[in-house]
Amino acid sequence: MIRLMTLAAAMLLPAIAAAQAAAPVGDPQKGAQKVQMCQGCHGIVGWRTAYPEVYKVPKIAGQHPAYIIAALKEYKSGSRSHPSMKAIAASLSDADMADIAAYYNQAPLQTAEK
């Protein structure tokens, strides 16, 4: 099991590094104008969603821009599934994604209340 996990990690690291290196640089000022649709879920500490199932909504403030961009692209392509996120991501251009990611990257990191 440990060998399998090590192999999986070794295979993912180059992809993660490439995504971070290739992430377009966004404008946090423009991103601030585009995050209204994000803040309703991702901006509330301890928020849980009930559709399509109950789960804690991740906080994205302070997150690395390449991760946010990759996640949005995966929702847009359908490789990640969540109905609300798929609909939101479908409306975003690559520049929008980069701007949103830049905004959240410069925002202070938040942790959920217990």
PDB file of N, CA and C in Angstrom:
ATOM      1  N   MET A   1       0.818  -1.186   0.000  1.00  0.00           N
ATOM      2  CA  MET A   1       0.000   0.000   0.000  1.00  0.00           C
ATOM      3  C   MET A   1       0.869   1.260   0.000  1.00  0.00           C
ATOM      4  N   ILE A   2       1.931   1.244   0.809  1.00  0.00           N
ATOM      5  CA  ILE A   2       2.818   2.410   0.869  1.00  0.00           C
ATOM      6  C   ILE A   2       3.511   2.603  -0.469  1.00  0.00           C
ATOM      7  N   ARG A   3       3.897   1.503  -1.107  1.00  0.00           N
ATOM      8  CA  ARG A   3       4.546   1.612  -2.422  1.00  0.00           C
ATOM      9  C   ARG A   3       3.602   2.236  -3.434  1.00  0.00           C
ATOM     10  N   LEU A   4       2.334   1.822  -3.393  1.00  0.00           N
ATOM     11  CA  LEU A   4       1.345   2.362  -4.317  1.00  0.00           C
ATOM     12  C   LEU A   4       1.138   3.856  -4.086  1.00  0.00           C
ATOM     13  N   MET A   5       1.075   4.266  -2.833  1.00  0.00           N
ATOM     14  CA  MET A   5       0.911   5.680  -2.514  1.00  0.00           C
ATOM     15  C   MET A   5       2.138   6.481  -2.941  1.00  0.00           C
ATOM     16  N   THR A   6       3.313   5.928  -2.747  1.00  0.00           N
ATOM     17  CA  THR A   6       4.547   6.601  -3.160  1.00  0.00           C
ATOM     18  C   THR A   6       4.588   6.755  -4.670  1.00  0.00           C
ATOM     19  N   LEU A   7       4.207   5.715  -5.377  1.00  0.00           N
ATOM     20  CA  LEU A   7       4.170   5.765  -6.842  1.00  0.00           C
ATOM     21  C   LEU A   7       3.164   6.798  -7.318  1.00  0.00           C
ATOM     22  N   ALA A   8       1.985   6.812  -6.717  1.00  0.00           N
ATOM     23  CA  ALA A   8       0.962   7.778  -7.100  1.00  0.00           C
ATOM     24  C   ALA A   8       1.457   9.205  -6.863  1.00  0.00           C
ATOM     25  N   ALA A   9       2.092   9.438  -5.733  1.00  0.00           N
ATOM     26  CA  ALA A   9       2.614  10.775  -5.425  1.00  0.00           C
ATOM     27  C   ALA A   9       3.698  11.171  -6.422  1.00  0.00           C
ATOM     28  N   ALA A  10       4.569  10.229  -6.759  1.00  0.00           N
ATOM     29  CA  ALA A  10       5.649  10.508  -7.712  1.00  0.00           C
ATOM     30  C   ALA A  10       5.086  10.853  -9.087  1.00  0.00           C
ATOM     31  N   MET A  11       3.976  10.255  -9.441  1.00  0.00           N
ATOM     32  CA  MET A  11       3.367  10.537 -10.740  1.00  0.00           C
ATOM     33  C   MET A  11       2.644  11.882 -10.742  1.00  0.00           C
ATOM     34  N   LEU A  12       2.104  12.291  -9.602  1.00  0.00           N
ATOM     35  CA  LEU A  12       1.352  13.537  -9.526  1.00  0.00           C
ATOM     36  C   LEU A  12       2.230  14.772  -9.381  1.00  0.00           C
ATOM     37  N   LEU A  13       3.370  14.649  -8.750  1.00  0.00           N
ATOM     38  CA  LEU A  13       4.214  15.822  -8.496  1.00  0.00           C
ATOM     39  C   LEU A  13       4.594  16.585  -9.764  1.00  0.00           C
ATOM     40  N   PRO A  14       5.032  15.925 -10.842  1.00  0.00           N
ATOM     41  CA  PRO A  14       5.345  16.693 -12.047  1.00  0.00           C
ATOM     42  C   PRO A  14       4.136  17.435 -12.608  1.00  0.00           C
ATOM     43  N   ALA A  15       2.961  16.830 -12.537  1.00  0.00           N
ATOM     44  CA  ALA A  15       1.757  17.485 -13.037  1.00  0.00           C
ATOM     45  C   ALA A  15       1.411  18.712 -12.197  1.00  0.00           C
ATOM     46  N   ILE A  16       1.546  18.592 -10.897  1.00  0.00           N
ATOM     47  CA  ILE A  16       1.268  19.721 -10.009  1.00  0.00           C
ATOM     48  C   ILE A  16       2.269  20.845 -10.256  1.00  0.00           C
ATOM     49  N   ALA A  17       3.531  20.497 -10.375  1.00  0.00           N
ATOM     50  CA  ALA A  17       4.568  21.500 -10.630  1.00  0.00           C
ATOM     51  C   ALA A  17       4.331  22.199 -11.962  1.00  0.00           C
ATOM     52  N   ALA A  18       3.948  21.440 -12.983  1.00  0.00           N
ATOM     53  CA  ALA A  18       3.690  22.032 -14.299  1.00  0.00           C
ATOM     54  C   ALA A  18       2.491  22.969 -14.239  1.00  0.00           C
ATOM     55  N   ALA A  19       1.458  22.563 -13.522  1.00  0.00           N
ATOM     56  CA  ALA A  19       0.271  23.416 -13.398  1.00  0.00           C
ATOM     57  C   ALA A  19       0.610  24.715 -12.692  1.00  0.00           C
ATOM     58  N   GLN A  20       1.437  24.642 -11.651  1.00  0.00           N
ATOM     59  CA  GLN A  20       1.803  25.845 -10.922  1.00  0.00           C
ATOM     60  C   GLN A  20       2.683  26.746 -11.761  1.00  0.00           C
ATOM     61  N   ALA A  21       3.571  26.173 -12.525  1.00  0.00           N
ATOM     62  CA  ALA A  21       4.460  26.970 -13.362  1.00  0.00           C
ATOM     63  C   ALA A  21       3.704  27.598 -14.523  1.00  0.00           C
ATOM     64  N   ALA A  22       2.683  26.911 -15.036  1.00  0.00           N
ATOM     65  CA  ALA A  22       1.964  27.373 -16.211  1.00  0.00           C
ATOM     66  C   ALA A  22       0.761  28.244 -15.879  1.00  0.00           C
ATOM     67  N   ALA A  23       0.462  28.434 -14.617  1.00  0.00           N
ATOM     68  CA  ALA A  23      -0.711  29.210 -14.240  1.00  0.00           C
ATOM     69  C   ALA A  23      -0.566  30.654 -14.705  1.00  0.00           C
ATOM     70  N   PRO A  24      -1.566  31.155 -15.425  1.00  0.00           N
ATOM     71  CA  PRO A  24      -1.490  32.546 -15.860  1.00  0.00           C
ATOM     72  C   PRO A  24      -1.556  33.484 -14.657  1.00  0.00           C
ATOM     73  N   VAL A  25      -0.950  34.628 -14.790  1.00  0.00           N
ATOM     74  CA  VAL A  25      -0.942  35.610 -13.714  1.00  0.00           C
ATOM     75  C   VAL A  25      -2.185  36.466 -13.862  1.00  0.00           C
ATOM     76  N   GLY A  26      -2.964  36.527 -12.804  1.00  0.00           N
ATOM     77  CA  GLY A  26      -4.180  37.327 -12.828  1.00  0.00           C
ATOM     78  C   GLY A  26      -4.003  38.627 -12.085  1.00  0.00           C
ATOM     79  N   ASP A  27      -5.032  39.434 -12.132  1.00  0.00           N
ATOM     80  CA  ASP A  27      -5.043  40.737 -11.479  1.00  0.00           C
ATOM     81  C   ASP A  27      -5.998  40.669 -10.284  1.00  0.00           C
ATOM     82  N   PRO A  28      -5.475  40.754  -9.052  1.00  0.00           N
ATOM     83  CA  PRO A  28      -6.358  40.652  -7.894  1.00  0.00           C
ATOM     84  C   PRO A  28      -7.409  41.760  -7.825  1.00  0.00           C
ATOM     85  N   GLN A  29      -7.106  42.933  -8.375  1.00  0.00           N
ATOM     86  CA  GLN A  29      -8.094  44.026  -8.388  1.00  0.00           C
ATOM     87  C   GLN A  29      -9.282  43.658  -9.278  1.00  0.00           C
ATOM     88  N   LYS A  30      -8.994  43.073 -10.433  1.00  0.00           N
ATOM     89  CA  LYS A  30     -10.080  42.604 -11.312  1.00  0.00           C
ATOM     90  C   LYS A  30     -10.798  41.431 -10.669  1.00  0.00           C
ATOM     91  N   GLY A  31     -10.034  40.566 -10.004  1.00  0.00           N
ATOM     92  CA  GLY A  31     -10.629  39.418  -9.333  1.00  0.00           C
ATOM     93  C   GLY A  31     -11.622  39.830  -8.267  1.00  0.00           C
ATOM     94  N   ALA A  32     -11.336  40.924  -7.558  1.00  0.00           N
ATOM     95  CA  ALA A  32     -12.234  41.411  -6.513  1.00  0.00           C
ATOM     96  C   ALA A  32     -13.609  41.760  -7.081  1.00  0.00           C
ATOM     97  N   GLN A  33     -13.649  42.106  -8.360  1.00  0.00           N
ATOM     98  CA  GLN A  33     -14.913  42.445  -9.014  1.00  0.00           C
ATOM     99  C   GLN A  33     -15.657  41.210  -9.521  1.00  0.00           C
ATOM    100  N   LYS A  34     -15.016  40.032  -9.434  1.00  0.00           N
ATOM    101  CA  LYS A  34     -15.586  38.815 -10.022  1.00  0.00           C
ATOM    102  C   LYS A  34     -15.920  37.732  -9.010  1.00  0.00           C
ATOM    103  N   VAL A  35     -15.715  37.981  -7.728  1.00  0.00           N
ATOM    104  CA  VAL A  35     -15.862  36.917  -6.732  1.00  0.00           C
ATOM    105  C   VAL A  35     -17.218  36.899  -6.020  1.00  0.00           C
ATOM    106  N   GLN A  36     -18.155  37.728  -6.436  1.00  0.00           N
ATOM    107  CA  GLN A  36     -19.449  37.748  -5.764  1.00  0.00           C
ATOM    108  C   GLN A  36     -20.087  36.359  -5.760  1.00  0.00           C
ATOM    109  N   MET A  37     -19.969  35.631  -6.850  1.00  0.00           N
ATOM    110  CA  MET A  37     -20.584  34.305  -6.934  1.00  0.00           C
ATOM    111  C   MET A  37     -19.836  33.286  -6.074  1.00  0.00           C
ATOM    112  N   CYS A  38     -18.609  33.570  -5.701  1.00  0.00           N
ATOM    113  CA  CYS A  38     -17.806  32.654  -4.884  1.00  0.00           C
ATOM    114  C   CYS A  38     -18.067  32.861  -3.395  1.00  0.00           C
ATOM    115  N   GLN A  39     -18.236  34.107  -3.010  1.00  0.00           N
ATOM    116  CA  GLN A  39     -18.293  34.462  -1.594  1.00  0.00           C
ATOM    117  C   GLN A  39     -19.510  33.904  -0.873  1.00  0.00           C
ATOM    118  N   GLY A  40     -20.587  33.622  -1.601  1.00  0.00           N
ATOM    119  CA  GLY A  40     -21.785  33.090  -0.975  1.00  0.00           C
ATOM    120  C   GLY A  40     -21.572  31.737  -0.317  1.00  0.00           C
ATOM    121  N   CYS A  41     -20.588  30.993  -0.768  1.00  0.00           N
ATOM    122  CA  CYS A  41     -20.276  29.690  -0.157  1.00  0.00           C
ATOM    123  C   CYS A  41     -18.874  29.669   0.430  1.00  0.00           C
ATOM    124  N   HIS A  42     -17.890  30.112  -0.333  1.00  0.00           N
ATOM    125  CA  HIS A  42     -16.491  30.011   0.085  1.00  0.00           C
ATOM    126  C   HIS A  42     -16.059  31.103   1.056  1.00  0.00           C
ATOM    127  N   GLY A  43     -16.905  32.097   1.264  1.00  0.00           N
ATOM    128  CA  GLY A  43     -16.537  33.186   2.156  1.00  0.00           C
ATOM    129  C   GLY A  43     -17.152  33.111   3.531  1.00  0.00           C
ATOM    130  N   ILE A  44     -17.876  32.036   3.814  1.00  0.00           N
ATOM    131  CA  ILE A  44     -18.554  31.917   5.098  1.00  0.00           C
ATOM    132  C   ILE A  44     -17.893  30.804   5.901  1.00  0.00           C
ATOM    133  N   VAL A  45     -17.256  31.162   6.991  1.00  0.00           N
ATOM    134  CA  VAL A  45     -16.559  30.184   7.826  1.00  0.00           C
ATOM    135  C   VAL A  45     -17.574  29.179   8.377  1.00  0.00           C
ATOM    136  N   GLY A  46     -17.268  27.893   8.212  1.00  0.00           N
ATOM    137  CA  GLY A  46     -18.129  26.838   8.722  1.00  0.00           C
ATOM    138  C   GLY A  46     -19.327  26.510   7.854  1.00  0.00           C
ATOM    139  N   TRP A  47     -19.424  27.106   6.669  1.00  0.00           N
ATOM    140  CA  TRP A  47     -20.569  26.880   5.787  1.00  0.00           C
ATOM    141  C   TRP A  47     -20.600  25.442   5.292  1.00  0.00           C
ATOM    142  N   ARG A  48     -21.801  24.897   5.226  1.00  0.00           N
ATOM    143  CA  ARG A  48     -22.014  23.564   4.658  1.00  0.00           C
ATOM    144  C   ARG A  48     -23.069  23.693   3.577  1.00  0.00           C
ATOM    145  N   THR A  49     -22.955  22.895   2.555  1.00  0.00           N
ATOM    146  CA  THR A  49     -23.946  22.890   1.491  1.00  0.00           C
ATOM    147  C   THR A  49     -24.802  21.637   1.606  1.00  0.00           C
ATOM    148  N   ALA A  50     -25.999  21.692   1.119  1.00  0.00           N
ATOM    149  CA  ALA A  50     -26.898  20.538   1.191  1.00  0.00           C
ATOM    150  C   ALA A  50     -27.217  19.994  -0.192  1.00  0.00           C
ATOM    151  N   TYR A  51     -26.593  20.530  -1.241  1.00  0.00           N
ATOM    152  CA  TYR A  51     -26.871  20.045  -2.583  1.00  0.00           C
ATOM    153  C   TYR A  51     -25.570  19.871  -3.329  1.00  0.00           C
ATOM    154  N   PRO A  52     -25.309  18.789  -3.949  1.00  0.00           N
ATOM    155  CA  PRO A  52     -26.120  17.576  -4.048  1.00  0.00           C
ATOM    156  C   PRO A  52     -26.029  16.693  -2.808  1.00  0.00           C
ATOM    157  N   GLU A  53     -25.125  16.985  -1.896  1.00  0.00           N
ATOM    158  CA  GLU A  53     -25.017  16.258  -0.627  1.00  0.00           C
ATOM    159  C   GLU A  53     -24.466  17.217   0.407  1.00  0.00           C
ATOM    160  N   VAL A  54     -24.573  16.874   1.660  1.00  0.00           N
ATOM    161  CA  VAL A  54     -24.071  17.739   2.727  1.00  0.00           C
ATOM    162  C   VAL A  54     -22.561  17.559   2.858  1.00  0.00           C
ATOM    163  N   TYR A  55     -21.822  18.634   2.771  1.00  0.00           N
ATOM    164  CA  TYR A  55     -20.380  18.617   2.991  1.00  0.00           C
ATOM    165  C   TYR A  55     -19.920  20.017   3.330  1.00  0.00           C
ATOM    166  N   LYS A  56     -18.771  20.095   3.952  1.00  0.00           N
ATOM    167  CA  LYS A  56     -18.197  21.395   4.298  1.00  0.00           C
ATOM    168  C   LYS A  56     -17.617  22.021   3.029  1.00  0.00           C
ATOM    169  N   VAL A  57     -17.915  23.273   2.824  1.00  0.00           N
ATOM    170  CA  VAL A  57     -17.399  24.002   1.666  1.00  0.00           C
ATOM    171  C   VAL A  57     -15.974  24.441   1.978  1.00  0.00           C
ATOM    172  N   PRO A  58     -15.022  24.152   1.099  1.00  0.00           N
ATOM    173  CA  PRO A  58     -13.637  24.533   1.388  1.00  0.00           C
ATOM    174  C   PRO A  58     -13.434  26.046   1.334  1.00  0.00           C
ATOM    175  N   LYS A  59     -12.595  26.527   2.202  1.00  0.00           N
ATOM    176  CA  LYS A  59     -12.194  27.930   2.173  1.00  0.00           C
ATOM    177  C   LYS A  59     -11.080  28.063   1.143  1.00  0.00           C
ATOM    178  N   ILE A  60     -11.147  29.075   0.329  1.00  0.00           N
ATOM    179  CA  ILE A  60     -10.138  29.215  -0.734  1.00  0.00           C
ATOM    180  C   ILE A  60      -9.263  30.450  -0.564  1.00  0.00           C
ATOM    181  N   ALA A  61      -9.529  31.258   0.447  1.00  0.00           N
ATOM    182  CA  ALA A  61      -8.668  32.417   0.709  1.00  0.00           C
ATOM    183  C   ALA A  61      -7.275  31.926   1.066  1.00  0.00           C
ATOM    184  N   GLY A  62      -6.267  32.495   0.416  1.00  0.00           N
ATOM    185  CA  GLY A  62      -4.885  32.116   0.671  1.00  0.00           C
ATOM    186  C   GLY A  62      -4.420  30.926  -0.154  1.00  0.00           C
ATOM    187  N   GLN A  63      -5.309  30.348  -0.947  1.00  0.00           N
ATOM    188  CA  GLN A  63      -4.958  29.178  -1.749  1.00  0.00           C
ATOM    189  C   GLN A  63      -4.041  29.580  -2.918  1.00  0.00           C
ATOM    190  N   HIS A  64      -3.181  28.663  -3.340  1.00  0.00           N
ATOM    191  CA  HIS A  64      -2.268  28.919  -4.453  1.00  0.00           C
ATOM    192  C   HIS A  64      -3.069  29.112  -5.747  1.00  0.00           C
ATOM    193  N   PRO A  65      -2.741  30.138  -6.534  1.00  0.00           N
ATOM    194  CA  PRO A  65      -3.502  30.423  -7.758  1.00  0.00           C
ATOM    195  C   PRO A  65      -3.578  29.244  -8.730  1.00  0.00           C
ATOM    196  N   ALA A  66      -2.489  28.508  -8.886  1.00  0.00           N
ATOM    197  CA  ALA A  66      -2.496  27.389  -9.839  1.00  0.00           C
ATOM    198  C   ALA A  66      -3.521  26.334  -9.429  1.00  0.00           C
ATOM    199  N   TYR A  67      -3.679  26.128  -8.145  1.00  0.00           N
ATOM    200  CA  TYR A  67      -4.663  25.153  -7.668  1.00  0.00           C
ATOM    201  C   TYR A  67      -6.083  25.619  -7.996  1.00  0.00           C
ATOM    202  N   ILE A  68      -6.372  26.887  -7.718  1.00  0.00           N
ATOM    203  CA  ILE A  68      -7.715  27.414  -7.995  1.00  0.00           C
ATOM    204  C   ILE A  68      -8.015  27.345  -9.486  1.00  0.00           C
ATOM    205  N   ILE A  69      -7.064  27.751 -10.307  1.00  0.00           N
ATOM    206  CA  ILE A  69      -7.271  27.709 -11.756  1.00  0.00           C
ATOM    207  C   ILE A  69      -7.489  26.276 -12.223  1.00  0.00           C
ATOM    208  N   ALA A  70      -6.669  25.352 -11.746  1.00  0.00           N
ATOM    209  CA  ALA A  70      -6.815  23.950 -12.151  1.00  0.00           C
ATOM    210  C   ALA A  70      -8.177  23.405 -11.730  1.00  0.00           C
ATOM    211  N   ALA A  71      -8.604  23.719 -10.512  1.00  0.00           N
ATOM    212  CA  ALA A  71      -9.900  23.239 -10.032  1.00  0.00           C
ATOM    213  C   ALA A  71     -11.034  23.807 -10.885  1.00  0.00           C
ATOM    214  N   LEU A  72     -10.990  25.102 -11.185  1.00  0.00           N
ATOM    215  CA  LEU A  72     -12.039  25.707 -12.007  1.00  0.00           C
ATOM    216  C   LEU A  72     -12.078  25.094 -13.401  1.00  0.00           C
ATOM    217  N   LYS A  73     -10.910  24.847 -13.969  1.00  0.00           N
ATOM    218  CA  LYS A  73     -10.865  24.221 -15.299  1.00  0.00           C
ATOM    219  C   LYS A  73     -11.432  22.799 -15.257  1.00  0.00           C
ATOM    220  N   GLU A  74     -11.166  22.091 -14.175  1.00  0.00           N
ATOM    221  CA  GLU A  74     -11.707  20.735 -14.038  1.00  0.00           C
ATOM    222  C   GLU A  74     -13.224  20.755 -13.884  1.00  0.00           C
ATOM    223  N   TYR A  75     -13.763  21.724 -13.149  1.00  0.00           N
ATOM    224  CA  TYR A  75     -15.216  21.853 -13.060  1.00  0.00           C
ATOM    225  C   TYR A  75     -15.786  22.202 -14.431  1.00  0.00           C
ATOM    226  N   LYS A  76     -15.133  23.101 -15.139  1.00  0.00           N
ATOM    227  CA  LYS A  76     -15.617  23.522 -16.455  1.00  0.00           C
ATOM    228  C   LYS A  76     -15.620  22.354 -17.441  1.00  0.00           C
ATOM    229  N   SER A  77     -14.578  21.532 -17.398  1.00  0.00           N
ATOM    230  CA  SER A  77     -14.486  20.398 -18.327  1.00  0.00           C
ATOM    231  C   SER A  77     -15.366  19.224 -17.912  1.00  0.00           C
ATOM    232  N   GLY A  78     -15.771  19.204 -16.648  1.00  0.00           N
ATOM    233  CA  GLY A  78     -16.579  18.099 -16.152  1.00  0.00           C
ATOM    234  C   GLY A  78     -15.777  17.004 -15.479  1.00  0.00           C
ATOM    235  N   SER A  79     -14.440  17.144 -15.408  1.00  0.00           N
ATOM    236  CA  SER A  79     -13.641  16.107 -14.749  1.00  0.00           C
ATOM    237  C   SER A  79     -13.792  16.166 -13.227  1.00  0.00           C
ATOM    238  N   ARG A  80     -14.260  17.296 -12.698  1.00  0.00           N
ATOM    239  CA  ARG A  80     -14.704  17.391 -11.299  1.00  0.00           C
ATOM    240  C   ARG A  80     -16.195  17.635 -11.374  1.00  0.00           C
ATOM    241  N   SER A  81     -16.931  17.008 -10.484  1.00  0.00           N
ATOM    242  CA  SER A  81     -18.376  17.191 -10.588  1.00  0.00           C
ATOM    243  C   SER A  81     -18.966  17.827  -9.346  1.00  0.00           C
ATOM    244  N   HIS A  82     -19.640  18.897  -9.560  1.00  0.00           N
ATOM    245  CA  HIS A  82     -20.502  19.556  -8.589  1.00  0.00           C
ATOM    246  C   HIS A  82     -21.375  20.488  -9.435  1.00  0.00           C
ATOM    247  N   PRO A  83     -22.687  20.304  -9.407  1.00  0.00           N
ATOM    248  CA  PRO A  83     -23.551  21.074 -10.317  1.00  0.00           C
ATOM    249  C   PRO A  83     -23.360  22.584 -10.251  1.00  0.00           C
ATOM    250  N   SER A  84     -23.298  23.137  -9.052  1.00  0.00           N
ATOM    251  CA  SER A  84     -23.157  24.595  -8.934  1.00  0.00           C
ATOM    252  C   SER A  84     -21.806  25.058  -9.451  1.00  0.00           C
ATOM    253  N   MET A  85     -20.746  24.355  -9.072  1.00  0.00           N
ATOM    254  CA  MET A  85     -19.410  24.749  -9.510  1.00  0.00           C
ATOM    255  C   MET A  85     -19.251  24.584 -11.021  1.00  0.00           C
ATOM    256  N   LYS A  86     -19.836  23.545 -11.584  1.00  0.00           N
ATOM    257  CA  LYS A  86     -19.755  23.344 -13.038  1.00  0.00           C
ATOM    258  C   LYS A  86     -20.413  24.517 -13.767  1.00  0.00           C
ATOM    259  N   ALA A  87     -21.583  24.942 -13.288  1.00  0.00           N
ATOM    260  CA  ALA A  87     -22.288  26.062 -13.916  1.00  0.00           C
ATOM    261  C   ALA A  87     -21.493  27.365 -13.781  1.00  0.00           C
ATOM    262  N   ILE A  88     -20.926  27.596 -12.609  1.00  0.00           N
ATOM    263  CA  ILE A  88     -20.154  28.820 -12.404  1.00  0.00           C
ATOM    264  C   ILE A  88     -18.902  28.809 -13.272  1.00  0.00           C
ATOM    265  N   ALA A  89     -18.168  27.706 -13.247  1.00  0.00           N
ATOM    266  CA  ALA A  89     -16.920  27.618 -14.017  1.00  0.00           C
ATOM    267  C   ALA A  89     -17.179  27.736 -15.517  1.00  0.00           C
ATOM    268  N   ALA A  90     -18.316  27.231 -15.972  1.00  0.00           N
ATOM    269  CA  ALA A  90     -18.636  27.302 -17.404  1.00  0.00           C
ATOM    270  C   ALA A  90     -18.752  28.742 -17.883  1.00  0.00           C
ATOM    271  N   SER A  91     -19.074  29.645 -16.961  1.00  0.00           N
ATOM    272  CA  SER A  91     -19.238  31.047 -17.341  1.00  0.00           C
ATOM    273  C   SER A  91     -17.930  31.842 -17.305  1.00  0.00           C
ATOM    274  N   LEU A  92     -16.842  31.211 -16.865  1.00  0.00           N
ATOM    275  CA  LEU A  92     -15.577  31.925 -16.674  1.00  0.00           C
ATOM    276  C   LEU A  92     -14.608  31.722 -17.836  1.00  0.00           C
ATOM    277  N   SER A  93     -13.960  32.796 -18.233  1.00  0.00           N
ATOM    278  CA  SER A  93     -12.866  32.702 -19.203  1.00  0.00           C
ATOM    279  C   SER A  93     -11.585  32.347 -18.449  1.00  0.00           C
ATOM    280  N   ASP A  94     -10.524  32.034 -19.178  1.00  0.00           N
ATOM    281  CA  ASP A  94      -9.232  31.775 -18.537  1.00  0.00           C
ATOM    282  C   ASP A  94      -8.749  33.010 -17.774  1.00  0.00           C
ATOM    283  N   ALA A  95      -8.975  34.185 -18.332  1.00  0.00           N
ATOM    284  CA  ALA A  95      -8.572  35.426 -17.655  1.00  0.00           C
ATOM    285  C   ALA A  95      -9.372  35.619 -16.368  1.00  0.00           C
ATOM    286  N   ASP A  96     -10.690  35.315 -16.402  1.00  0.00           N
ATOM    287  CA  ASP A  96     -11.509  35.414 -15.192  1.00  0.00           C
ATOM    288  C   ASP A  96     -10.957  34.497 -14.109  1.00  0.00           C
ATOM    289  N   MET A  97     -10.637  33.261 -14.496  1.00  0.00           N
ATOM    290  CA  MET A  97     -10.104  32.291 -13.535  1.00  0.00           C
ATOM    291  C   MET A  97      -8.805  32.795 -12.916  1.00  0.00           C
ATOM    292  N   ALA A  98      -7.931  33.343 -13.742  1.00  0.00           N
ATOM    293  CA  ALA A  98      -6.644  33.853 -13.251  1.00  0.00           C
ATOM    294  C   ALA A  98      -6.853  35.032 -12.299  1.00  0.00           C
ATOM    295  N   ASP A  99      -7.793  35.910 -12.631  1.00  0.00           N
ATOM    296  CA  ASP A  99      -8.066  37.067 -11.773  1.00  0.00           C
ATOM    297  C   ASP A  99      -8.645  36.627 -10.427  1.00  0.00           C
ATOM    298  N   ILE A 100      -9.581  35.690 -10.459  1.00  0.00           N
ATOM    299  CA  ILE A 100     -10.182  35.172  -9.221  1.00  0.00           C
ATOM    300  C   ILE A 100      -9.113  34.493  -8.369  1.00  0.00           C
ATOM    301  N   ALA A 101      -8.271  33.702  -9.016  1.00  0.00           N
ATOM    302  CA  ALA A 101      -7.199  33.005  -8.293  1.00  0.00           C
ATOM    303  C   ALA A 101      -6.225  34.003  -7.670  1.00  0.00           C
ATOM    304  N   ALA A 102      -5.906  35.066  -8.390  1.00  0.00           N
ATOM    305  CA  ALA A 102      -4.999  36.096  -7.853  1.00  0.00           C
ATOM    306  C   ALA A 102      -5.631  36.796  -6.654  1.00  0.00           C
ATOM    307  N   TYR A 103      -6.919  37.060  -6.739  1.00  0.00           N
ATOM    308  CA  TYR A 103      -7.620  37.694  -5.613  1.00  0.00           C
ATOM    309  C   TYR A 103      -7.558  36.809  -4.371  1.00  0.00           C
ATOM    310  N   TYR A 104      -7.918  35.531  -4.524  1.00  0.00           N
ATOM    311  CA  TYR A 104      -7.926  34.642  -3.366  1.00  0.00           C
ATOM    312  C   TYR A 104      -6.522  34.331  -2.853  1.00  0.00           C
ATOM    313  N   ASN A 105      -5.541  34.354  -3.710  1.00  0.00           N
ATOM    314  CA  ASN A 105      -4.165  34.121  -3.267  1.00  0.00           C
ATOM    315  C   ASN A 105      -3.694  35.228  -2.320  1.00  0.00           C
ATOM    316  N   GLN A 106      -4.078  36.455  -2.581  1.00  0.00           N
ATOM    317  CA  GLN A 106      -3.622  37.558  -1.736  1.00  0.00           C
ATOM    318  C   GLN A 106      -4.519  37.764  -0.518  1.00  0.00           C
ATOM    319  N   ALA A 107      -5.653  37.076  -0.476  1.00  0.00           N
ATOM    320  CA  ALA A 107      -6.556  37.192   0.678  1.00  0.00           C
ATOM    321  C   ALA A 107      -5.970  36.397   1.851  1.00  0.00           C
ATOM    322  N   PRO A 108      -6.217  36.846   3.075  1.00  0.00           N
ATOM    323  CA  PRO A 108      -5.665  36.114   4.226  1.00  0.00           C
ATOM    324  C   PRO A 108      -6.275  34.717   4.325  1.00  0.00           C
ATOM    325  N   LEU A 109      -5.453  33.762   4.692  1.00  0.00           N
ATOM    326  CA  LEU A 109      -5.885  32.385   4.857  1.00  0.00           C
ATOM    327  C   LEU A 109      -6.902  32.312   5.983  1.00  0.00           C
ATOM    328  N   GLN A 110      -7.977  31.551   5.738  1.00  0.00           N
ATOM    329  CA  GLN A 110      -9.007  31.379   6.758  1.00  0.00           C
ATOM    330  C   GLN A 110      -9.093  29.916   7.136  1.00  0.00           C
ATOM    331  N   THR A 111      -9.438  29.667   8.378  1.00  0.00           N
ATOM    332  CA  THR A 111      -9.664  28.289   8.795  1.00  0.00           C
ATOM    333  C   THR A 111     -11.089  28.182   9.292  1.00  0.00           C
ATOM    334  N   ALA A 112     -11.656  27.003   9.135  1.00  0.00           N
ATOM    335  CA  ALA A 112     -13.040  26.777   9.538  1.00  0.00           C
ATOM    336  C   ALA A 112     -13.160  26.694  11.048  1.00  0.00           C
ATOM    337  N   GLU A 113     -14.288  27.134  11.548  1.00  0.00           N
ATOM    338  CA  GLU A 113     -14.563  26.978  12.978  1.00  0.00           C
ATOM    339  C   GLU A 113     -14.924  25.521  13.227  1.00  0.00           C
ATOM    340  N   LYS A 114     -14.683  25.059  14.400  1.00  0.00           N
ATOM    341  CA  LYS A 114     -15.013  23.673  14.719  1.00  0.00           C
ATOM    342  C   LYS A 114     -16.357  23.583  15.364  1.00  0.00           C
TER     343      LYS A 114
END
